[in-house]
Amino acid sequence: AHKGSQGEVAVIGGAPGMSGALWLAASAALHQGAGKVYACALQAAPPFMLDQLPEVMCRPLHELALDAPTCATVCGCGAGHAVSRVLKPVLEQAPRLVLDADALNTLARAVRGRQAQWLGLLRSRHEHEFHTVLTPHPLEAARLLHCSSSEVQADRLGAARALAERHQAVVVLKGSGSIIAAPGQISHINPTGNPLLATAGSGDVLAGMIGARLAQGQDAFEAACDAVYQHGLLADQWATQHGTTRNALTASQLAAQAAKAK
């Protein structure tokens, strides 16, 4: 084995004021065993974050071969509106893709704009045997379904299935009892996790964990199920070790703990 045989993860995000999300996802991918991790910041990354993750390589998007079969792309972590500049080529090129946060919000807005073709590109990815995972929380899911978050929460299983069928992709509907749905598959309800995960950045960590598994060859449904389970298990283990779910588990601590999940 060598680093090239363990897959590559390219994380795209980090708009001004939100670079932490980029580094949390990159850190999680690194700790989950990806051979190489690239951070494609939509702004210059703060130097202190570079010091914290010297193993992560900073590259502009145009220097990366997103279409490489062993490359997984995680797009949207702290990306803001700037993600609209890169979403089309990412949808067209990346054979293994996790869409999170602002990438999902941009797709939700695209249905009524000039970029409505992006939804067609997303749906057509399965025809090219591309692997795609969407990771919305309930509000992001509601935006994609054009309903309220309370409606999503009233029928979480139905909402996850509807998104999976509509976009022909694996969907992780995050929350208590996260649901993993995929077209033609029996949906999974994840049994792990606790309120320690209700903190900023924990979703970015999950996106990086899924990306690492995709890069190492797992299919989208398996990668999503495994990562969601391990993500929740880390929080459960933390609660057991500390005797409570009230002691804070920050997203950066969660990303560092991700190495133990392997």
C-alpha atoms as a PDB file:
ATOM      1  CA  ALA A   1       0.000   0.000   0.000  1.00  0.00           C
ATOM      2  CA  HIS A   2       1.059   3.586  -0.558  1.00  0.00           C
ATOM      3  CA  LYS A   3      -0.644   6.948  -0.318  1.00  0.00           C
ATOM      4  CA  GLY A   4      -1.778   6.787  -3.933  1.00  0.00           C
ATOM      5  CA  SER A   5      -3.627   3.523  -3.299  1.00  0.00           C
ATOM      6  CA  GLN A   6      -5.663   4.987  -0.424  1.00  0.00           C
ATOM      7  CA  GLY A   7      -7.587   7.469  -2.552  1.00  0.00           C
ATOM      8  CA  GLU A   8      -7.664  11.247  -2.735  1.00  0.00           C
ATOM      9  CA  VAL A   9     -10.206  13.678  -1.301  1.00  0.00           C
ATOM     10  CA  ALA A  10     -10.642  17.223  -2.608  1.00  0.00           C
ATOM     11  CA  VAL A  11     -12.631  19.470  -0.273  1.00  0.00           C
ATOM     12  CA  ILE A  12     -14.107  22.609  -1.845  1.00  0.00           C
ATOM     13  CA  GLY A  13     -15.386  25.421   0.365  1.00  0.00           C
ATOM     14  CA  GLY A  14     -14.139  27.977   2.829  1.00  0.00           C
ATOM     15  CA  ALA A  15     -15.649  31.231   1.620  1.00  0.00           C
ATOM     16  CA  PRO A  16     -14.686  34.380   3.569  1.00  0.00           C
ATOM     17  CA  GLY A  17     -15.509  33.928   7.233  1.00  0.00           C
ATOM     18  CA  MET A  18     -16.234  30.196   6.882  1.00  0.00           C
ATOM     19  CA  SER A  19     -12.836  28.609   6.309  1.00  0.00           C
ATOM     20  CA  GLY A  20     -13.233  26.487   9.438  1.00  0.00           C
ATOM     21  CA  ALA A  21     -15.793  24.276   7.708  1.00  0.00           C
ATOM     22  CA  LEU A  22     -13.305  23.495   4.945  1.00  0.00           C
ATOM     23  CA  TRP A  23     -10.630  22.471   7.417  1.00  0.00           C
ATOM     24  CA  LEU A  24     -12.967  20.372   9.539  1.00  0.00           C
ATOM     25  CA  ALA A  25     -14.008  18.320   6.502  1.00  0.00           C
ATOM     26  CA  ALA A  26     -10.403  18.006   5.327  1.00  0.00           C
ATOM     27  CA  SER A  27      -9.258  16.954   8.799  1.00  0.00           C
ATOM     28  CA  ALA A  28     -11.947  14.277   9.029  1.00  0.00           C
ATOM     29  CA  ALA A  29     -11.032  12.887   5.596  1.00  0.00           C
ATOM     30  CA  LEU A  30      -7.386  12.795   6.638  1.00  0.00           C
ATOM     31  CA  HIS A  31      -8.102  11.006   9.914  1.00  0.00           C
ATOM     32  CA  GLN A  32     -10.335   8.491   8.143  1.00  0.00           C
ATOM     33  CA  GLY A  33      -7.426   7.236   6.069  1.00  0.00           C
ATOM     34  CA  ALA A  34      -7.555   9.071   2.741  1.00  0.00           C
ATOM     35  CA  GLY A  35      -4.102   8.852   1.154  1.00  0.00           C
ATOM     36  CA  LYS A  36      -4.048  12.475   0.050  1.00  0.00           C
ATOM     37  CA  VAL A  37      -6.323  15.366   0.997  1.00  0.00           C
ATOM     38  CA  TYR A  38      -6.538  18.637  -0.906  1.00  0.00           C
ATOM     39  CA  ALA A  39      -8.191  21.818   0.354  1.00  0.00           C
ATOM     40  CA  CYS A  40      -9.599  23.996  -2.407  1.00  0.00           C
ATOM     41  CA  ALA A  41     -10.375  27.204  -0.555  1.00  0.00           C
ATOM     42  CA  LEU A  42     -12.657  29.810  -2.065  1.00  0.00           C
ATOM     43  CA  GLN A  43     -10.477  32.282  -0.177  1.00  0.00           C
ATOM     44  CA  ALA A  44      -6.910  32.179   1.132  1.00  0.00           C
ATOM     45  CA  ALA A  45      -6.793  29.883   4.150  1.00  0.00           C
ATOM     46  CA  PRO A  46      -5.720  31.519   7.442  1.00  0.00           C
ATOM     47  CA  PRO A  47      -2.108  30.578   8.315  1.00  0.00           C
ATOM     48  CA  PHE A  48      -3.002  29.141  11.716  1.00  0.00           C
ATOM     49  CA  MET A  49      -5.178  26.519  10.060  1.00  0.00           C
ATOM     50  CA  LEU A  50      -2.352  25.531   7.752  1.00  0.00           C
ATOM     51  CA  ASP A  51      -0.188  24.981  10.830  1.00  0.00           C
ATOM     52  CA  GLN A  52      -2.803  22.729  12.384  1.00  0.00           C
ATOM     53  CA  LEU A  53      -3.078  20.483   9.318  1.00  0.00           C
ATOM     54  CA  PRO A  54       0.326  20.382   7.626  1.00  0.00           C
ATOM     55  CA  GLU A  55      -0.596  17.130   5.847  1.00  0.00           C
ATOM     56  CA  VAL A  56      -3.400  18.793   3.862  1.00  0.00           C
ATOM     57  CA  MET A  57      -2.313  20.263   0.536  1.00  0.00           C
ATOM     58  CA  CYS A  58      -3.809  23.555  -0.635  1.00  0.00           C
ATOM     59  CA  ARG A  59      -4.551  23.631  -4.346  1.00  0.00           C
ATOM     60  CA  PRO A  60      -6.685  25.780  -6.640  1.00  0.00           C
ATOM     61  CA  LEU A  61      -9.460  23.757  -8.169  1.00  0.00           C
ATOM     62  CA  HIS A  62      -8.132  24.012 -11.734  1.00  0.00           C
ATOM     63  CA  GLU A  63      -4.961  22.131 -10.719  1.00  0.00           C
ATOM     64  CA  LEU A  64      -6.850  19.038  -9.559  1.00  0.00           C
ATOM     65  CA  ALA A  65      -8.031  16.120 -11.681  1.00  0.00           C
ATOM     66  CA  LEU A  66     -11.506  15.792 -10.200  1.00  0.00           C
ATOM     67  CA  ASP A  67     -12.361  13.173 -12.803  1.00  0.00           C
ATOM     68  CA  ALA A  68      -9.702  10.736 -11.512  1.00  0.00           C
ATOM     69  CA  PRO A  69     -11.416   7.457 -10.532  1.00  0.00           C
ATOM     70  CA  THR A  70      -9.811   7.402  -7.065  1.00  0.00           C
ATOM     71  CA  CYS A  71     -10.669  11.034  -6.263  1.00  0.00           C
ATOM     72  CA  ALA A  72     -13.664  11.905  -4.113  1.00  0.00           C
ATOM     73  CA  THR A  73     -14.881  15.491  -3.997  1.00  0.00           C
ATOM     74  CA  VAL A  74     -16.574  17.068  -0.993  1.00  0.00           C
ATOM     75  CA  CYS A  75     -18.232  20.290  -2.081  1.00  0.00           C
ATOM     76  CA  GLY A  76     -20.053  22.973  -0.143  1.00  0.00           C
ATOM     77  CA  CYS A  77     -18.526  23.098   3.347  1.00  0.00           C
ATOM     78  CA  GLY A  78     -18.596  26.784   4.248  1.00  0.00           C
ATOM     79  CA  ALA A  79     -18.710  27.694   0.566  1.00  0.00           C
ATOM     80  CA  GLY A  80     -21.324  30.460   0.646  1.00  0.00           C
ATOM     81  CA  HIS A  81     -22.610  31.809  -2.653  1.00  0.00           C
ATOM     82  CA  ALA A  82     -19.145  31.357  -4.179  1.00  0.00           C
ATOM     83  CA  VAL A  83     -19.895  27.670  -4.718  1.00  0.00           C
ATOM     84  CA  SER A  84     -22.006  28.628  -7.737  1.00  0.00           C
ATOM     85  CA  ARG A  85     -18.750  29.306  -9.618  1.00  0.00           C
ATOM     86  CA  VAL A  86     -17.625  25.690  -9.363  1.00  0.00           C
ATOM     87  CA  LEU A  87     -20.792  23.636  -9.039  1.00  0.00           C
ATOM     88  CA  LYS A  88     -21.306  22.894 -12.739  1.00  0.00           C
ATOM     89  CA  PRO A  89     -17.833  21.424 -13.422  1.00  0.00           C
ATOM     90  CA  VAL A  90     -17.971  19.494 -10.156  1.00  0.00           C
ATOM     91  CA  LEU A  91     -21.297  17.893 -11.106  1.00  0.00           C
ATOM     92  CA  GLU A  92     -19.987  17.071 -14.568  1.00  0.00           C
ATOM     93  CA  GLN A  93     -16.560  15.728 -13.653  1.00  0.00           C
ATOM     94  CA  ALA A  94     -16.392  14.240 -10.157  1.00  0.00           C
ATOM     95  CA  PRO A  95     -17.057  10.471 -10.218  1.00  0.00           C
ATOM     96  CA  ARG A  96     -17.377  10.383  -6.415  1.00  0.00           C
ATOM     97  CA  LEU A  97     -19.102  13.366  -4.863  1.00  0.00           C
ATOM     98  CA  VAL A  98     -20.480  14.546  -1.523  1.00  0.00           C
ATOM     99  CA  LEU A  99     -22.672  17.654  -1.704  1.00  0.00           C
ATOM    100  CA  ASP A 100     -23.150  19.436   1.596  1.00  0.00           C
ATOM    101  CA  ALA A 101     -24.342  22.718   3.057  1.00  0.00           C
ATOM    102  CA  ASP A 102     -24.079  25.629   0.603  1.00  0.00           C
ATOM    103  CA  ALA A 103     -23.868  23.325  -2.418  1.00  0.00           C
ATOM    104  CA  LEU A 104     -27.318  22.026  -1.458  1.00  0.00           C
ATOM    105  CA  ASN A 105     -28.682  25.516  -0.829  1.00  0.00           C
ATOM    106  CA  THR A 106     -27.401  26.630  -4.240  1.00  0.00           C
ATOM    107  CA  LEU A 107     -29.125  23.673  -5.904  1.00  0.00           C
ATOM    108  CA  ALA A 108     -32.343  24.523  -4.063  1.00  0.00           C
ATOM    109  CA  ARG A 109     -32.243  28.058  -5.488  1.00  0.00           C
ATOM    110  CA  ALA A 110     -31.308  26.837  -8.956  1.00  0.00           C
ATOM    111  CA  VAL A 111     -34.703  25.318  -9.652  1.00  0.00           C
ATOM    112  CA  ARG A 112     -36.110  28.740 -10.511  1.00  0.00           C
ATOM    113  CA  GLY A 113     -33.030  30.355 -12.038  1.00  0.00           C
ATOM    114  CA  ARG A 114     -30.818  30.117 -15.081  1.00  0.00           C
ATOM    115  CA  GLN A 115     -28.865  27.360 -13.379  1.00  0.00           C
ATOM    116  CA  ALA A 116     -31.825  24.953 -13.395  1.00  0.00           C
ATOM    117  CA  GLN A 117     -29.712  22.707 -15.635  1.00  0.00           C
ATOM    118  CA  TRP A 118     -27.608  21.877 -12.563  1.00  0.00           C
ATOM    119  CA  LEU A 119     -30.462  19.767 -11.237  1.00  0.00           C
ATOM    120  CA  GLY A 120     -30.483  17.859 -14.512  1.00  0.00           C
ATOM    121  CA  LEU A 121     -26.747  17.310 -14.230  1.00  0.00           C
ATOM    122  CA  LEU A 122     -27.200  16.028 -10.690  1.00  0.00           C
ATOM    123  CA  ARG A 123     -29.925  13.606 -11.695  1.00  0.00           C
ATOM    124  CA  SER A 124     -28.020  12.336 -14.728  1.00  0.00           C
ATOM    125  CA  ARG A 125     -24.910  11.428 -12.744  1.00  0.00           C
ATOM    126  CA  HIS A 126     -26.258   7.948 -11.985  1.00  0.00           C
ATOM    127  CA  GLU A 127     -26.444   7.254 -15.723  1.00  0.00           C
ATOM    128  CA  HIS A 128     -22.645   7.644 -15.827  1.00  0.00           C
ATOM    129  CA  GLU A 129     -22.337   5.327 -12.793  1.00  0.00           C
ATOM    130  CA  PHE A 130     -21.103   8.224 -10.689  1.00  0.00           C
ATOM    131  CA  HIS A 131     -21.431   8.040  -6.896  1.00  0.00           C
ATOM    132  CA  THR A 132     -23.324  10.937  -5.299  1.00  0.00           C
ATOM    133  CA  VAL A 133     -24.224  11.607  -1.656  1.00  0.00           C
ATOM    134  CA  LEU A 134     -26.345  14.548  -0.476  1.00  0.00           C
ATOM    135  CA  THR A 135     -26.114  15.387   3.236  1.00  0.00           C
ATOM    136  CA  PRO A 136     -28.899  17.849   4.148  1.00  0.00           C
ATOM    137  CA  HIS A 137     -30.093  18.761   7.600  1.00  0.00           C
ATOM    138  CA  PRO A 138     -33.896  19.220   7.843  1.00  0.00           C
ATOM    139  CA  LEU A 139     -33.907  22.877   6.755  1.00  0.00           C
ATOM    140  CA  GLU A 140     -31.696  22.164   3.737  1.00  0.00           C
ATOM    141  CA  ALA A 141     -33.930  19.214   2.867  1.00  0.00           C
ATOM    142  CA  ALA A 142     -36.973  21.479   3.094  1.00  0.00           C
ATOM    143  CA  ARG A 143     -35.393  23.970   0.698  1.00  0.00           C
ATOM    144  CA  LEU A 144     -34.699  21.186  -1.803  1.00  0.00           C
ATOM    145  CA  LEU A 145     -38.267  19.855  -1.473  1.00  0.00           C
ATOM    146  CA  HIS A 146     -39.847  23.351  -1.389  1.00  0.00           C
ATOM    147  CA  CYS A 147     -41.692  22.717   1.831  1.00  0.00           C
ATOM    148  CA  SER A 148     -41.224  23.611   5.496  1.00  0.00           C
ATOM    149  CA  SER A 149     -38.748  21.986   7.849  1.00  0.00           C
ATOM    150  CA  SER A 150     -41.655  20.974  10.090  1.00  0.00           C
ATOM    151  CA  GLU A 151     -43.115  19.006   7.166  1.00  0.00           C
ATOM    152  CA  VAL A 152     -39.775  17.278   6.684  1.00  0.00           C
ATOM    153  CA  GLN A 153     -39.597  16.408  10.375  1.00  0.00           C
ATOM    154  CA  ALA A 154     -43.165  15.114  10.352  1.00  0.00           C
ATOM    155  CA  ASP A 155     -42.183  12.459   7.783  1.00  0.00           C
ATOM    156  CA  ARG A 156     -38.417  12.161   7.793  1.00  0.00           C
ATOM    157  CA  LEU A 157     -38.395   8.796   6.063  1.00  0.00           C
ATOM    158  CA  GLY A 158     -40.684  10.037   3.297  1.00  0.00           C
ATOM    159  CA  ALA A 159     -38.633  13.208   2.822  1.00  0.00           C
ATOM    160  CA  ALA A 160     -35.355  11.298   2.519  1.00  0.00           C
ATOM    161  CA  ARG A 161     -36.866   8.865   0.024  1.00  0.00           C
ATOM    162  CA  ALA A 162     -38.384  11.693  -2.013  1.00  0.00           C
ATOM    163  CA  LEU A 163     -35.037  13.473  -2.279  1.00  0.00           C
ATOM    164  CA  ALA A 164     -33.240  10.253  -3.224  1.00  0.00           C
ATOM    165  CA  GLU A 165     -35.712   9.485  -5.998  1.00  0.00           C
ATOM    166  CA  ARG A 166     -35.901  13.060  -7.251  1.00  0.00           C
ATOM    167  CA  HIS A 167     -32.137  13.463  -7.557  1.00  0.00           C
ATOM    168  CA  GLN A 168     -31.164   9.814  -8.135  1.00  0.00           C
ATOM    169  CA  ALA A 169     -28.601  10.016  -5.353  1.00  0.00           C
ATOM    170  CA  VAL A 170     -27.917   8.712  -1.873  1.00  0.00           C
ATOM    171  CA  VAL A 171     -29.382  11.052   0.736  1.00  0.00           C
ATOM    172  CA  VAL A 172     -28.323  11.395   4.356  1.00  0.00           C
ATOM    173  CA  LEU A 173     -31.071  13.282   6.179  1.00  0.00           C
ATOM    174  CA  LYS A 174     -29.262  14.328   9.330  1.00  0.00           C
ATOM    175  CA  GLY A 175     -30.828  14.619  12.761  1.00  0.00           C
ATOM    176  CA  SER A 176     -31.933  12.345  15.566  1.00  0.00           C
ATOM    177  CA  GLY A 177     -32.103   8.971  13.858  1.00  0.00           C
ATOM    178  CA  SER A 178     -30.341  10.065  10.671  1.00  0.00           C
ATOM    179  CA  ILE A 179     -31.849   8.422   7.608  1.00  0.00           C
ATOM    180  CA  ILE A 180     -29.843   7.096   4.679  1.00  0.00           C
ATOM    181  CA  ALA A 181     -31.970   6.633   1.560  1.00  0.00           C
ATOM    182  CA  ALA A 182     -31.140   5.651  -2.007  1.00  0.00           C
ATOM    183  CA  PRO A 183     -33.173   4.849  -5.123  1.00  0.00           C
ATOM    184  CA  GLY A 184     -34.214   1.206  -5.114  1.00  0.00           C
ATOM    185  CA  GLN A 185     -32.720   0.544  -1.664  1.00  0.00           C
ATOM    186  CA  ILE A 186     -34.286  -0.127   1.709  1.00  0.00           C
ATOM    187  CA  SER A 187     -33.667   3.016   3.756  1.00  0.00           C
ATOM    188  CA  HIS A 188     -31.532   2.791   6.889  1.00  0.00           C
ATOM    189  CA  ILE A 189     -32.259   4.577  10.164  1.00  0.00           C
ATOM    190  CA  ASN A 190     -29.021   5.135  12.041  1.00  0.00           C
ATOM    191  CA  PRO A 191     -29.047   4.068  15.712  1.00  0.00           C
ATOM    192  CA  THR A 192     -25.962   5.941  16.957  1.00  0.00           C
ATOM    193  CA  GLY A 193     -25.443   9.543  18.051  1.00  0.00           C
ATOM    194  CA  ASN A 194     -26.621  11.912  20.778  1.00  0.00           C
ATOM    195  CA  PRO A 195     -27.022  15.662  21.448  1.00  0.00           C
ATOM    196  CA  LEU A 196     -23.233  16.132  21.495  1.00  0.00           C
ATOM    197  CA  LEU A 197     -23.441  16.267  17.699  1.00  0.00           C
ATOM    198  CA  ALA A 198     -25.731  19.310  17.867  1.00  0.00           C
ATOM    199  CA  THR A 199     -22.844  21.710  17.398  1.00  0.00           C
ATOM    200  CA  ALA A 200     -21.463  23.790  14.560  1.00  0.00           C
ATOM    201  CA  GLY A 201     -19.157  21.874  12.247  1.00  0.00           C
ATOM    202  CA  SER A 202     -20.190  18.312  13.074  1.00  0.00           C
ATOM    203  CA  GLY A 203     -21.858  18.042   9.662  1.00  0.00           C
ATOM    204  CA  ASP A 204     -18.633  19.127   7.955  1.00  0.00           C
ATOM    205  CA  VAL A 205     -16.824  16.323   9.773  1.00  0.00           C
ATOM    206  CA  LEU A 206     -19.409  13.821   8.534  1.00  0.00           C
ATOM    207  CA  ALA A 207     -18.990  15.029   4.937  1.00  0.00           C
ATOM    208  CA  GLY A 208     -15.239  14.464   5.179  1.00  0.00           C
ATOM    209  CA  MET A 209     -15.753  10.995   6.646  1.00  0.00           C
ATOM    210  CA  ILE A 210     -18.027  10.019   3.769  1.00  0.00           C
ATOM    211  CA  GLY A 211     -15.572  11.466   1.251  1.00  0.00           C
ATOM    212  CA  ALA A 212     -12.716   9.361   2.633  1.00  0.00           C
ATOM    213  CA  ARG A 213     -14.749   6.184   2.253  1.00  0.00           C
ATOM    214  CA  LEU A 214     -15.740   7.040  -1.303  1.00  0.00           C
ATOM    215  CA  ALA A 215     -12.086   7.690  -2.148  1.00  0.00           C
ATOM    216  CA  GLN A 216     -11.165   4.256  -0.802  1.00  0.00           C
ATOM    217  CA  GLY A 217     -13.629   2.534  -3.104  1.00  0.00           C
ATOM    218  CA  GLN A 218     -16.859   2.106  -1.181  1.00  0.00           C
ATOM    219  CA  ASP A 219     -20.067   2.692  -3.089  1.00  0.00           C
ATOM    220  CA  ALA A 220     -22.148   5.691  -2.100  1.00  0.00           C
ATOM    221  CA  PHE A 221     -24.802   3.914  -0.018  1.00  0.00           C
ATOM    222  CA  GLU A 222     -22.310   1.796   1.905  1.00  0.00           C
ATOM    223  CA  ALA A 223     -19.996   4.759   2.475  1.00  0.00           C
ATOM    224  CA  ALA A 224     -22.862   6.891   3.786  1.00  0.00           C
ATOM    225  CA  CYS A 225     -24.218   4.193   6.111  1.00  0.00           C
ATOM    226  CA  ASP A 226     -20.785   3.382   7.540  1.00  0.00           C
ATOM    227  CA  ALA A 227     -19.738   7.007   8.025  1.00  0.00           C
ATOM    228  CA  VAL A 228     -23.012   8.052   9.667  1.00  0.00           C
ATOM    229  CA  TYR A 229     -22.825   5.098  12.047  1.00  0.00           C
ATOM    230  CA  GLN A 230     -19.199   5.818  13.010  1.00  0.00           C
ATOM    231  CA  HIS A 231     -19.872   9.557  13.330  1.00  0.00           C
ATOM    232  CA  GLY A 232     -22.613   8.871  15.857  1.00  0.00           C
ATOM    233  CA  LEU A 233     -20.598   6.166  17.600  1.00  0.00           C
ATOM    234  CA  LEU A 234     -17.776   8.624  18.300  1.00  0.00           C
ATOM    235  CA  ALA A 235     -20.237  10.880  20.111  1.00  0.00           C
ATOM    236  CA  ASP A 236     -21.627   7.908  22.049  1.00  0.00           C
ATOM    237  CA  GLN A 237     -18.130   6.834  23.089  1.00  0.00           C
ATOM    238  CA  TRP A 238     -17.321  10.375  24.186  1.00  0.00           C
ATOM    239  CA  ALA A 239     -20.454  10.465  26.345  1.00  0.00           C
ATOM    240  CA  THR A 240     -19.548   7.103  27.912  1.00  0.00           C
ATOM    241  CA  GLN A 241     -15.993   8.205  28.650  1.00  0.00           C
ATOM    242  CA  HIS A 242     -17.092  11.507  30.176  1.00  0.00           C
ATOM    243  CA  GLY A 243     -20.245  10.221  31.835  1.00  0.00           C
ATOM    244  CA  THR A 244     -22.578  12.746  30.238  1.00  0.00           C
ATOM    245  CA  THR A 245     -23.854  14.203  26.985  1.00  0.00           C
ATOM    246  CA  ARG A 246     -23.561  17.724  28.395  1.00  0.00           C
ATOM    247  CA  ASN A 247     -19.784  18.117  28.228  1.00  0.00           C
ATOM    248  CA  ALA A 248     -18.974  19.836  24.956  1.00  0.00           C
ATOM    249  CA  LEU A 249     -17.632  17.769  22.059  1.00  0.00           C
ATOM    250  CA  THR A 250     -16.427  20.285  19.502  1.00  0.00           C
ATOM    251  CA  ALA A 251     -16.308  19.472  15.809  1.00  0.00           C
ATOM    252  CA  SER A 252     -12.506  19.691  15.767  1.00  0.00           C
ATOM    253  CA  GLN A 253     -12.330  17.159  18.594  1.00  0.00           C
ATOM    254  CA  LEU A 254     -14.768  14.951  16.692  1.00  0.00           C
ATOM    255  CA  ALA A 255     -12.597  15.128  13.563  1.00  0.00           C
ATOM    256  CA  ALA A 256      -9.527  14.143  15.561  1.00  0.00           C
ATOM    257  CA  GLN A 257     -11.429  11.232  17.129  1.00  0.00           C
ATOM    258  CA  ALA A 258     -12.338   9.994  13.647  1.00  0.00           C
ATOM    259  CA  ALA A 259      -9.017   8.130  13.416  1.00  0.00           C
ATOM    260  CA  LYS A 260     -10.295   5.760  16.122  1.00  0.00           C
ATOM    261  CA  ALA A 261     -13.342   4.899  14.045  1.00  0.00           C
ATOM    262  CA  LYS A 262     -11.142   3.088  11.536  1.00  0.00           C
END
